[in-house]
Amino acid sequence: MTDKNQQQFVQLVVEPEFEIDTAQPQRIRRIDDGFEPTIGQSPQGYTITTLNGHTHNIHRLVVLQFIPGDDTEHKIKVDHVSSIKTDNSLTNLRWVAP
């Protein structure tokens, strides 16, 4: 459980009307009114949410926000190091080539 005093939100690069918590688990909320969209699971087992009518994989939002790509031309996929699709912690995600 995260102490509310340790929470820090930053504006999402993908959907600028929303912000994401820097702590695990990453909460997402709309900046204007604090609305937190529903978090669900895709048929493939990934954690997803819908922002402005677009469905996003949470792991992809996390890496785009917090893990700079070192080879953005070739490393365009996100890998869950542990193979646990619902573990979106920074230590479990990395950019990989397809």
PDB file of N, CA and C in Angstrom:
ATOM      1  N   MET A   1       0.848  -1.180   0.000  1.00  0.00           N
ATOM      2  CA  MET A   1       0.000   0.000   0.000  1.00  0.00           C
ATOM      3  C   MET A   1       0.894   1.245   0.000  1.00  0.00           C
ATOM      4  N   THR A   2       0.545   2.224  -0.816  1.00  0.00           N
ATOM      5  CA  THR A   2       1.319   3.450  -0.927  1.00  0.00           C
ATOM      6  C   THR A   2       0.774   4.500   0.025  1.00  0.00           C
ATOM      7  N   ASP A   3       1.662   5.158   0.749  1.00  0.00           N
ATOM      8  CA  ASP A   3       1.282   6.266   1.615  1.00  0.00           C
ATOM      9  C   ASP A   3       0.843   7.421   0.722  1.00  0.00           C
ATOM     10  N   LYS A   4      -0.334   7.990   0.995  1.00  0.00           N
ATOM     11  CA  LYS A   4      -0.845   9.070   0.162  1.00  0.00           C
ATOM     12  C   LYS A   4       0.122  10.247   0.087  1.00  0.00           C
ATOM     13  N   ASN A   5       0.942  10.440   1.121  1.00  0.00           N
ATOM     14  CA  ASN A   5       1.910  11.527   1.100  1.00  0.00           C
ATOM     15  C   ASN A   5       3.043  11.262   0.118  1.00  0.00           C
ATOM     16  N   GLN A   6       3.252   9.992  -0.269  1.00  0.00           N
ATOM     17  CA  GLN A   6       4.319   9.646  -1.197  1.00  0.00           C
ATOM     18  C   GLN A   6       3.842   9.635  -2.642  1.00  0.00           C
ATOM     19  N   GLN A   7       2.553   9.794  -2.859  1.00  0.00           N
ATOM     20  CA  GLN A   7       2.029   9.774  -4.213  1.00  0.00           C
ATOM     21  C   GLN A   7       2.440  11.030  -4.953  1.00  0.00           C
ATOM     22  N   GLN A   8       2.857  10.811  -6.189  1.00  0.00           N
ATOM     23  CA  GLN A   8       3.179  11.933  -7.058  1.00  0.00           C
ATOM     24  C   GLN A   8       2.658  11.592  -8.442  1.00  0.00           C
ATOM     25  N   PHE A   9       1.858  12.465  -8.986  1.00  0.00           N
ATOM     26  CA  PHE A   9       1.300  12.245 -10.308  1.00  0.00           C
ATOM     27  C   PHE A   9       2.027  13.119 -11.322  1.00  0.00           C
ATOM     28  N   VAL A  10       2.217  12.573 -12.522  1.00  0.00           N
ATOM     29  CA  VAL A  10       2.807  13.321 -13.628  1.00  0.00           C
ATOM     30  C   VAL A  10       1.882  13.186 -14.831  1.00  0.00           C
ATOM     31  N   GLN A  11       1.865  14.207 -15.659  1.00  0.00           N
ATOM     32  CA  GLN A  11       0.994  14.226 -16.830  1.00  0.00           C
ATOM     33  C   GLN A  11       1.398  13.121 -17.801  1.00  0.00           C
ATOM     34  N   LEU A  12       0.406  12.390 -18.303  1.00  0.00           N
ATOM     35  CA  LEU A  12       0.668  11.317 -19.261  1.00  0.00           C
ATOM     36  C   LEU A  12       1.112  11.894 -20.600  1.00  0.00           C
ATOM     37  N   VAL A  13       2.150  11.327 -21.183  1.00  0.00           N
ATOM     38  CA  VAL A  13       2.615  11.796 -22.486  1.00  0.00           C
ATOM     39  C   VAL A  13       1.655  11.372 -23.591  1.00  0.00           C
ATOM     40  N   VAL A  14       0.977  10.239 -23.414  1.00  0.00           N
ATOM     41  CA  VAL A  14       0.088   9.701 -24.444  1.00  0.00           C
ATOM     42  C   VAL A  14      -1.277  10.383 -24.439  1.00  0.00           C
ATOM     43  N   GLU A  15      -1.805  10.655 -23.272  1.00  0.00           N
ATOM     44  CA  GLU A  15      -3.120  11.297 -23.100  1.00  0.00           C
ATOM     45  C   GLU A  15      -2.953  12.442 -22.104  1.00  0.00           C
ATOM     46  N   PRO A  16      -2.596  13.647 -22.580  1.00  0.00           N
ATOM     47  CA  PRO A  16      -2.231  14.761 -21.696  1.00  0.00           C
ATOM     48  C   PRO A  16      -3.327  15.246 -20.748  1.00  0.00           C
ATOM     49  N   GLU A  17      -4.578  14.823 -20.962  1.00  0.00           N
ATOM     50  CA  GLU A  17      -5.652  15.219 -20.044  1.00  0.00           C
ATOM     51  C   GLU A  17      -5.623  14.388 -18.767  1.00  0.00           C
ATOM     52  N   PHE A  18      -4.782  13.347 -18.767  1.00  0.00           N
ATOM     53  CA  PHE A  18      -4.690  12.434 -17.630  1.00  0.00           C
ATOM     54  C   PHE A  18      -3.297  12.489 -17.020  1.00  0.00           C
ATOM     55  N   GLU A  19      -3.201  12.004 -15.789  1.00  0.00           N
ATOM     56  CA  GLU A  19      -1.907  11.895 -15.125  1.00  0.00           C
ATOM     57  C   GLU A  19      -1.786  10.510 -14.514  1.00  0.00           C
ATOM     58  N   ILE A  20      -0.534  10.092 -14.296  1.00  0.00           N
ATOM     59  CA  ILE A  20      -0.254   8.756 -13.788  1.00  0.00           C
ATOM     60  C   ILE A  20       0.583   8.870 -12.525  1.00  0.00           C
ATOM     61  N   ASP A  21       0.286   8.010 -11.573  1.00  0.00           N
ATOM     62  CA  ASP A  21       1.026   7.964 -10.314  1.00  0.00           C
ATOM     63  C   ASP A  21       2.409   7.380 -10.577  1.00  0.00           C
ATOM     64  N   THR A  22       3.424   7.968  -9.987  1.00  0.00           N
ATOM     65  CA  THR A  22       4.786   7.462 -10.163  1.00  0.00           C
ATOM     66  C   THR A  22       5.049   6.225  -9.317  1.00  0.00           C
ATOM     67  N   ALA A  23       4.188   5.945  -8.349  1.00  0.00           N
ATOM     68  CA  ALA A  23       4.365   4.783  -7.468  1.00  0.00           C
ATOM     69  C   ALA A  23       3.586   3.584  -8.001  1.00  0.00           C
ATOM     70  N   GLN A  24       4.016   2.424  -7.602  1.00  0.00           N
ATOM     71  CA  GLN A  24       3.346   1.177  -7.970  1.00  0.00           C
ATOM     72  C   GLN A  24       2.263   0.875  -6.941  1.00  0.00           C
ATOM     73  N   PRO A  25       1.059   0.462  -7.275  1.00  0.00           N
ATOM     74  CA  PRO A  25       0.585   0.334  -8.655  1.00  0.00           C
ATOM     75  C   PRO A  25       0.219   1.702  -9.217  1.00  0.00           C
ATOM     76  N   GLN A  26       0.418   1.858 -10.490  1.00  0.00           N
ATOM     77  CA  GLN A  26       0.175   3.148 -11.117  1.00  0.00           C
ATOM     78  C   GLN A  26      -1.322   3.416 -11.228  1.00  0.00           C
ATOM     79  N   ARG A  27      -1.758   4.465 -10.557  1.00  0.00           N
ATOM     80  CA  ARG A  27      -3.134   4.935 -10.692  1.00  0.00           C
ATOM     81  C   ARG A  27      -3.150   5.990 -11.785  1.00  0.00           C
ATOM     82  N   ILE A  28      -4.251   6.059 -12.494  1.00  0.00           N
ATOM     83  CA  ILE A  28      -4.423   7.060 -13.542  1.00  0.00           C
ATOM     84  C   ILE A  28      -5.672   7.856 -13.196  1.00  0.00           C
ATOM     85  N   ARG A  29      -5.593   9.167 -13.373  1.00  0.00           N
ATOM     86  CA  ARG A  29      -6.770  10.001 -13.114  1.00  0.00           C
ATOM     87  C   ARG A  29      -6.775  11.178 -14.085  1.00  0.00           C
ATOM     88  N   ARG A  30      -7.988  11.689 -14.331  1.00  0.00           N
ATOM     89  CA  ARG A  30      -8.134  12.862 -15.188  1.00  0.00           C
ATOM     90  C   ARG A  30      -7.736  14.086 -14.378  1.00  0.00           C
ATOM     91  N   ILE A  31      -6.975  14.962 -14.965  1.00  0.00           N
ATOM     92  CA  ILE A  31      -6.446  16.128 -14.260  1.00  0.00           C
ATOM     93  C   ILE A  31      -7.566  17.067 -13.817  1.00  0.00           C
ATOM     94  N   ASP A  32      -8.530  17.325 -14.681  1.00  0.00           N
ATOM     95  CA  ASP A  32      -9.579  18.308 -14.388  1.00  0.00           C
ATOM     96  C   ASP A  32     -10.425  17.985 -13.164  1.00  0.00           C
ATOM     97  N   ASP A  33     -10.830  16.720 -13.045  1.00  0.00           N
ATOM     98  CA  ASP A  33     -11.793  16.394 -11.993  1.00  0.00           C
ATOM     99  C   ASP A  33     -11.410  15.202 -11.115  1.00  0.00           C
ATOM    100  N   GLY A  34     -10.238  14.610 -11.353  1.00  0.00           N
ATOM    101  CA  GLY A  34      -9.786  13.501 -10.519  1.00  0.00           C
ATOM    102  C   GLY A  34     -10.424  12.160 -10.842  1.00  0.00           C
ATOM    103  N   PHE A  35     -11.244  12.110 -11.898  1.00  0.00           N
ATOM    104  CA  PHE A  35     -11.887  10.854 -12.295  1.00  0.00           C
ATOM    105  C   PHE A  35     -10.837   9.783 -12.580  1.00  0.00           C
ATOM    106  N   GLU A  36     -11.028   8.596 -11.988  1.00  0.00           N
ATOM    107  CA  GLU A  36     -10.123   7.467 -12.218  1.00  0.00           C
ATOM    108  C   GLU A  36     -10.826   6.438 -13.090  1.00  0.00           C
ATOM    109  N   PRO A  37     -10.335   6.236 -14.319  1.00  0.00           N
ATOM    110  CA  PRO A  37     -10.985   5.277 -15.212  1.00  0.00           C
ATOM    111  C   PRO A  37     -10.861   3.850 -14.689  1.00  0.00           C
ATOM    112  N   THR A  38     -11.793   3.027 -15.108  1.00  0.00           N
ATOM    113  CA  THR A  38     -11.804   1.622 -14.717  1.00  0.00           C
ATOM    114  C   THR A  38     -10.584   0.909 -15.284  1.00  0.00           C
ATOM    115  N   ILE A  39      -9.979   0.066 -14.465  1.00  0.00           N
ATOM    116  CA  ILE A  39      -8.874  -0.783 -14.899  1.00  0.00           C
ATOM    117  C   ILE A  39      -9.449  -2.180 -15.095  1.00  0.00           C
ATOM    118  N   GLY A  40      -9.167  -2.770 -16.243  1.00  0.00           N
ATOM    119  CA  GLY A  40      -9.688  -4.098 -16.536  1.00  0.00           C
ATOM    120  C   GLY A  40      -8.592  -5.007 -17.065  1.00  0.00           C
ATOM    121  N   GLN A  41      -9.024  -6.090 -17.675  1.00  0.00           N
ATOM    122  CA  GLN A  41      -8.067  -7.050 -18.216  1.00  0.00           C
ATOM    123  C   GLN A  41      -8.483  -7.405 -19.639  1.00  0.00           C
ATOM    124  N   SER A  42      -7.511  -7.407 -20.546  1.00  0.00           N
ATOM    125  CA  SER A  42      -7.774  -7.771 -21.934  1.00  0.00           C
ATOM    126  C   SER A  42      -7.941  -9.284 -22.048  1.00  0.00           C
ATOM    127  N   PRO A  43      -8.523  -9.762 -23.153  1.00  0.00           N
ATOM    128  CA  PRO A  43      -8.630 -11.212 -23.354  1.00  0.00           C
ATOM    129  C   PRO A  43      -7.259 -11.908 -23.346  1.00  0.00           C
ATOM    130  N   GLN A  44      -6.202 -11.156 -23.661  1.00  0.00           N
ATOM    131  CA  GLN A  44      -4.844 -11.708 -23.658  1.00  0.00           C
ATOM    132  C   GLN A  44      -4.220 -11.715 -22.267  1.00  0.00           C
ATOM    133  N   GLY A  45      -4.902 -11.115 -21.284  1.00  0.00           N
ATOM    134  CA  GLY A  45      -4.415 -11.139 -19.908  1.00  0.00           C
ATOM    135  C   GLY A  45      -3.670  -9.900 -19.457  1.00  0.00           C
ATOM    136  N   TYR A  46      -3.595  -8.855 -20.302  1.00  0.00           N
ATOM    137  CA  TYR A  46      -2.904  -7.620 -19.942  1.00  0.00           C
ATOM    138  C   TYR A  46      -3.857  -6.669 -19.223  1.00  0.00           C
ATOM    139  N   THR A  47      -3.315  -5.841 -18.348  1.00  0.00           N
ATOM    140  CA  THR A  47      -4.101  -4.829 -17.656  1.00  0.00           C
ATOM    141  C   THR A  47      -4.346  -3.676 -18.625  1.00  0.00           C
ATOM    142  N   ILE A  48      -5.609  -3.242 -18.735  1.00  0.00           N
ATOM    143  CA  ILE A  48      -5.972  -2.204 -19.695  1.00  0.00           C
ATOM    144  C   ILE A  48      -6.849  -1.144 -19.038  1.00  0.00           C
ATOM    145  N   THR A  49      -6.941  -0.004 -19.726  1.00  0.00           N
ATOM    146  CA  THR A  49      -7.877   1.042 -19.337  1.00  0.00           C
ATOM    147  C   THR A  49      -8.288   1.789 -20.589  1.00  0.00           C
ATOM    148  N   THR A  50      -9.381   2.524 -20.513  1.00  0.00           N
ATOM    149  CA  THR A  50      -9.843   3.325 -21.642  1.00  0.00           C
ATOM    150  C   THR A  50      -9.758   4.796 -21.264  1.00  0.00           C
ATOM    151  N   LEU A  51      -9.047   5.557 -22.102  1.00  0.00           N
ATOM    152  CA  LEU A  51      -8.883   6.996 -21.903  1.00  0.00           C
ATOM    153  C   LEU A  51      -9.341   7.701 -23.170  1.00  0.00           C
ATOM    154  N   ASN A  52     -10.277   8.604 -23.046  1.00  0.00           N
ATOM    155  CA  ASN A  52     -10.799   9.350 -24.189  1.00  0.00           C
ATOM    156  C   ASN A  52     -11.244   8.437 -25.325  1.00  0.00           C
ATOM    157  N   GLY A  53     -11.864   7.313 -24.973  1.00  0.00           N
ATOM    158  CA  GLY A  53     -12.381   6.402 -25.985  1.00  0.00           C
ATOM    159  C   GLY A  53     -11.355   5.473 -26.604  1.00  0.00           C
ATOM    160  N   HIS A  54     -10.106   5.538 -26.155  1.00  0.00           N
ATOM    161  CA  HIS A  54      -9.044   4.673 -26.676  1.00  0.00           C
ATOM    162  C   HIS A  54      -8.598   3.700 -25.588  1.00  0.00           C
ATOM    163  N   THR A  55      -8.545   2.417 -25.936  1.00  0.00           N
ATOM    164  CA  THR A  55      -8.087   1.412 -24.983  1.00  0.00           C
ATOM    165  C   THR A  55      -6.567   1.371 -24.988  1.00  0.00           C
ATOM    166  N   HIS A  56      -5.980   1.384 -23.789  1.00  0.00           N
ATOM    167  CA  HIS A  56      -4.523   1.373 -23.633  1.00  0.00           C
ATOM    168  C   HIS A  56      -4.105   0.228 -22.723  1.00  0.00           C
ATOM    169  N   ASN A  57      -3.020  -0.441 -23.093  1.00  0.00           N
ATOM    170  CA  ASN A  57      -2.379  -1.395 -22.194  1.00  0.00           C
ATOM    171  C   ASN A  57      -1.623  -0.589 -21.144  1.00  0.00           C
ATOM    172  N   ILE A  58      -1.837  -0.895 -19.874  1.00  0.00           N
ATOM    173  CA  ILE A  58      -1.168  -0.162 -18.798  1.00  0.00           C
ATOM    174  C   ILE A  58       0.348  -0.302 -18.911  1.00  0.00           C
ATOM    175  N   HIS A  59       0.850  -1.496 -19.252  1.00  0.00           N
ATOM    176  CA  HIS A  59       2.300  -1.676 -19.344  1.00  0.00           C
ATOM    177  C   HIS A  59       2.908  -0.751 -20.391  1.00  0.00           C
ATOM    178  N   ARG A  60       2.190  -0.513 -21.466  1.00  0.00           N
ATOM    179  CA  ARG A  60       2.705   0.377 -22.518  1.00  0.00           C
ATOM    180  C   ARG A  60       2.694   1.836 -22.038  1.00  0.00           C
ATOM    181  N   LEU A  61       1.642   2.237 -21.334  1.00  0.00           N
ATOM    182  CA  LEU A  61       1.606   3.592 -20.775  1.00  0.00           C
ATOM    183  C   LEU A  61       2.772   3.807 -19.810  1.00  0.00           C
ATOM    184  N   VAL A  62       3.059   2.792 -18.992  1.00  0.00           N
ATOM    185  CA  VAL A  62       4.138   2.898 -18.003  1.00  0.00           C
ATOM    186  C   VAL A  62       5.491   3.055 -18.689  1.00  0.00           C
ATOM    187  N   VAL A  63       5.782   2.224 -19.689  1.00  0.00           N
ATOM    188  CA  VAL A  63       7.107   2.333 -20.322  1.00  0.00           C
ATOM    189  C   VAL A  63       7.238   3.609 -21.130  1.00  0.00           C
ATOM    190  N   LEU A  64       6.184   4.015 -21.812  1.00  0.00           N
ATOM    191  CA  LEU A  64       6.255   5.273 -22.559  1.00  0.00           C
ATOM    192  C   LEU A  64       6.487   6.456 -21.628  1.00  0.00           C
ATOM    193  N   GLN A  65       5.958   6.365 -20.425  1.00  0.00           N
ATOM    194  CA  GLN A  65       6.075   7.450 -19.458  1.00  0.00           C
ATOM    195  C   GLN A  65       7.414   7.444 -18.729  1.00  0.00           C
ATOM    196  N   PHE A  66       7.891   6.268 -18.328  1.00  0.00           N
ATOM    197  CA  PHE A  66       8.993   6.204 -17.370  1.00  0.00           C
ATOM    198  C   PHE A  66      10.272   5.518 -17.856  1.00  0.00           C
ATOM    199  N   ILE A  67      10.230   4.792 -18.976  1.00  0.00           N
ATOM    200  CA  ILE A  67      11.420   4.069 -19.431  1.00  0.00           C
ATOM    201  C   ILE A  67      11.795   4.559 -20.827  1.00  0.00           C
ATOM    202  N   PRO A  68      12.801   5.421 -20.927  1.00  0.00           N
ATOM    203  CA  PRO A  68      13.201   5.909 -22.242  1.00  0.00           C
ATOM    204  C   PRO A  68      13.758   4.763 -23.084  1.00  0.00           C
ATOM    205  N   GLY A  69      13.402   4.746 -24.360  1.00  0.00           N
ATOM    206  CA  GLY A  69      13.915   3.713 -25.262  1.00  0.00           C
ATOM    207  C   GLY A  69      15.336   4.027 -25.686  1.00  0.00           C
ATOM    208  N   ASP A  70      16.192   3.003 -25.686  1.00  0.00           N
ATOM    209  CA  ASP A  70      17.575   3.217 -26.105  1.00  0.00           C
ATOM    210  C   ASP A  70      17.774   2.917 -27.585  1.00  0.00           C
ATOM    211  N   ASP A  71      16.779   2.329 -28.243  1.00  0.00           N
ATOM    212  CA  ASP A  71      16.842   2.019 -29.670  1.00  0.00           C
ATOM    213  C   ASP A  71      15.415   2.018 -30.202  1.00  0.00           C
ATOM    214  N   THR A  72      14.836   3.207 -30.293  1.00  0.00           N
ATOM    215  CA  THR A  72      13.419   3.322 -30.622  1.00  0.00           C
ATOM    216  C   THR A  72      13.085   2.879 -32.045  1.00  0.00           C
ATOM    217  N   GLU A  73      14.088   2.728 -32.884  1.00  0.00           N
ATOM    218  CA  GLU A  73      13.836   2.247 -34.239  1.00  0.00           C
ATOM    219  C   GLU A  73      13.568   0.741 -34.248  1.00  0.00           C
ATOM    220  N   HIS A  74      14.257   0.005 -33.388  1.00  0.00           N
ATOM    221  CA  HIS A  74      14.141  -1.453 -33.380  1.00  0.00           C
ATOM    222  C   HIS A  74      13.394  -2.003 -32.166  1.00  0.00           C
ATOM    223  N   LYS A  75      13.584  -1.396 -31.027  1.00  0.00           N
ATOM    224  CA  LYS A  75      12.938  -1.879 -29.801  1.00  0.00           C
ATOM    225  C   LYS A  75      11.598  -1.172 -29.632  1.00  0.00           C
ATOM    226  N   ILE A  76      10.577  -1.799 -30.175  1.00  0.00           N
ATOM    227  CA  ILE A  76       9.260  -1.157 -30.193  1.00  0.00           C
ATOM    228  C   ILE A  76       8.208  -1.940 -29.400  1.00  0.00           C
ATOM    229  N   LYS A  77       8.566  -3.097 -28.918  1.00  0.00           N
ATOM    230  CA  LYS A  77       7.650  -3.912 -28.117  1.00  0.00           C
ATOM    231  C   LYS A  77       8.043  -3.837 -26.650  1.00  0.00           C
ATOM    232  N   VAL A  78       7.081  -4.110 -25.782  1.00  0.00           N
ATOM    233  CA  VAL A  78       7.322  -4.113 -24.341  1.00  0.00           C
ATOM    234  C   VAL A  78       7.272  -5.556 -23.850  1.00  0.00           C
ATOM    235  N   ASP A  79       8.272  -5.938 -23.069  1.00  0.00           N
ATOM    236  CA  ASP A  79       8.369  -7.288 -22.524  1.00  0.00           C
ATOM    237  C   ASP A  79       8.164  -7.251 -21.020  1.00  0.00           C
ATOM    238  N   HIS A  80       7.373  -8.205 -20.527  1.00  0.00           N
ATOM    239  CA  HIS A  80       7.254  -8.432 -19.087  1.00  0.00           C
ATOM    240  C   HIS A  80       8.337  -9.444 -18.729  1.00  0.00           C
ATOM    241  N   VAL A  81       9.371  -9.009 -18.044  1.00  0.00           N
ATOM    242  CA  VAL A  81      10.530  -9.845 -17.733  1.00  0.00           C
ATOM    243  C   VAL A  81      10.105 -11.144 -17.055  1.00  0.00           C
ATOM    244  N   SER A  82       9.187 -11.070 -16.118  1.00  0.00           N
ATOM    245  CA  SER A  82       8.751 -12.249 -15.358  1.00  0.00           C
ATOM    246  C   SER A  82       7.684 -13.069 -16.084  1.00  0.00           C
ATOM    247  N   SER A  83       7.226 -12.586 -17.228  1.00  0.00           N
ATOM    248  CA  SER A  83       6.126 -13.193 -17.997  1.00  0.00           C
ATOM    249  C   SER A  83       4.776 -13.067 -17.298  1.00  0.00           C
ATOM    250  N   ILE A  84       4.714 -12.308 -16.205  1.00  0.00           N
ATOM    251  CA  ILE A  84       3.441 -12.056 -15.519  1.00  0.00           C
ATOM    252  C   ILE A  84       2.837 -10.791 -16.129  1.00  0.00           C
ATOM    253  N   LYS A  85       1.802 -10.970 -16.921  1.00  0.00           N
ATOM    254  CA  LYS A  85       1.238  -9.878 -17.711  1.00  0.00           C
ATOM    255  C   LYS A  85       0.593  -8.773 -16.886  1.00  0.00           C
ATOM    256  N   THR A  86       0.283  -9.050 -15.641  1.00  0.00           N
ATOM    257  CA  THR A  86      -0.343  -8.037 -14.787  1.00  0.00           C
ATOM    258  C   THR A  86       0.660  -7.312 -13.895  1.00  0.00           C
ATOM    259  N   ASP A  87       1.935  -7.699 -13.960  1.00  0.00           N
ATOM    260  CA  ASP A  87       2.981  -7.030 -13.174  1.00  0.00           C
ATOM    261  C   ASP A  87       3.573  -5.911 -14.016  1.00  0.00           C
ATOM    262  N   ASN A  88       3.075  -4.701 -13.788  1.00  0.00           N
ATOM    263  CA  ASN A  88       3.507  -3.542 -14.565  1.00  0.00           C
ATOM    264  C   ASN A  88       4.509  -2.675 -13.820  1.00  0.00           C
ATOM    265  N   SER A  89       5.249  -3.275 -12.901  1.00  0.00           N
ATOM    266  CA  SER A  89       6.276  -2.528 -12.171  1.00  0.00           C
ATOM    267  C   SER A  89       7.438  -2.212 -13.114  1.00  0.00           C
ATOM    268  N   LEU A  90       8.102  -1.104 -12.849  1.00  0.00           N
ATOM    269  CA  LEU A  90       9.206  -0.675 -13.712  1.00  0.00           C
ATOM    270  C   LEU A  90      10.305  -1.717 -13.826  1.00  0.00           C
ATOM    271  N   THR A  91      10.549  -2.456 -12.759  1.00  0.00           N
ATOM    272  CA  THR A  91      11.606  -3.470 -12.791  1.00  0.00           C
ATOM    273  C   THR A  91      11.207  -4.694 -13.608  1.00  0.00           C
ATOM    274  N   ASN A  92       9.937  -4.818 -13.965  1.00  0.00           N
ATOM    275  CA  ASN A  92       9.471  -5.970 -14.732  1.00  0.00           C
ATOM    276  C   ASN A  92       9.225  -5.652 -16.203  1.00  0.00           C
ATOM    277  N   LEU A  93       9.441  -4.416 -16.612  1.00  0.00           N
ATOM    278  CA  LEU A  93       9.168  -4.017 -17.991  1.00  0.00           C
ATOM    279  C   LEU A  93      10.442  -3.568 -18.689  1.00  0.00           C
ATOM    280  N   ARG A  94      10.517  -3.888 -19.989  1.00  0.00           N
ATOM    281  CA  ARG A  94      11.667  -3.441 -20.788  1.00  0.00           C
ATOM    282  C   ARG A  94      11.256  -3.380 -22.255  1.00  0.00           C
ATOM    283  N   TRP A  95      11.942  -2.515 -22.987  1.00  0.00           N
ATOM    284  CA  TRP A  95      11.765  -2.420 -24.430  1.00  0.00           C
ATOM    285  C   TRP A  95      12.525  -3.566 -25.096  1.00  0.00           C
ATOM    286  N   VAL A  96      11.918  -4.185 -26.108  1.00  0.00           N
ATOM    287  CA  VAL A  96      12.576  -5.249 -26.864  1.00  0.00           C
ATOM    288  C   VAL A  96      12.237  -5.105 -28.346  1.00  0.00           C
ATOM    289  N   ALA A  97      13.051  -5.762 -29.176  1.00  0.00           N
ATOM    290  CA  ALA A  97      12.770  -5.823 -30.610  1.00  0.00           C
ATOM    291  C   ALA A  97      11.720  -6.907 -30.850  1.00  0.00           C
ATOM    292  N   PRO A  98      10.883  -6.729 -31.862  1.00  0.00           N
ATOM    293  CA  PRO A  98       9.848  -7.747 -32.145  1.00  0.00           C
ATOM    294  C   PRO A  98      10.450  -9.076 -32.575  1.00  0.00           C
TER     295      PRO A  98
END
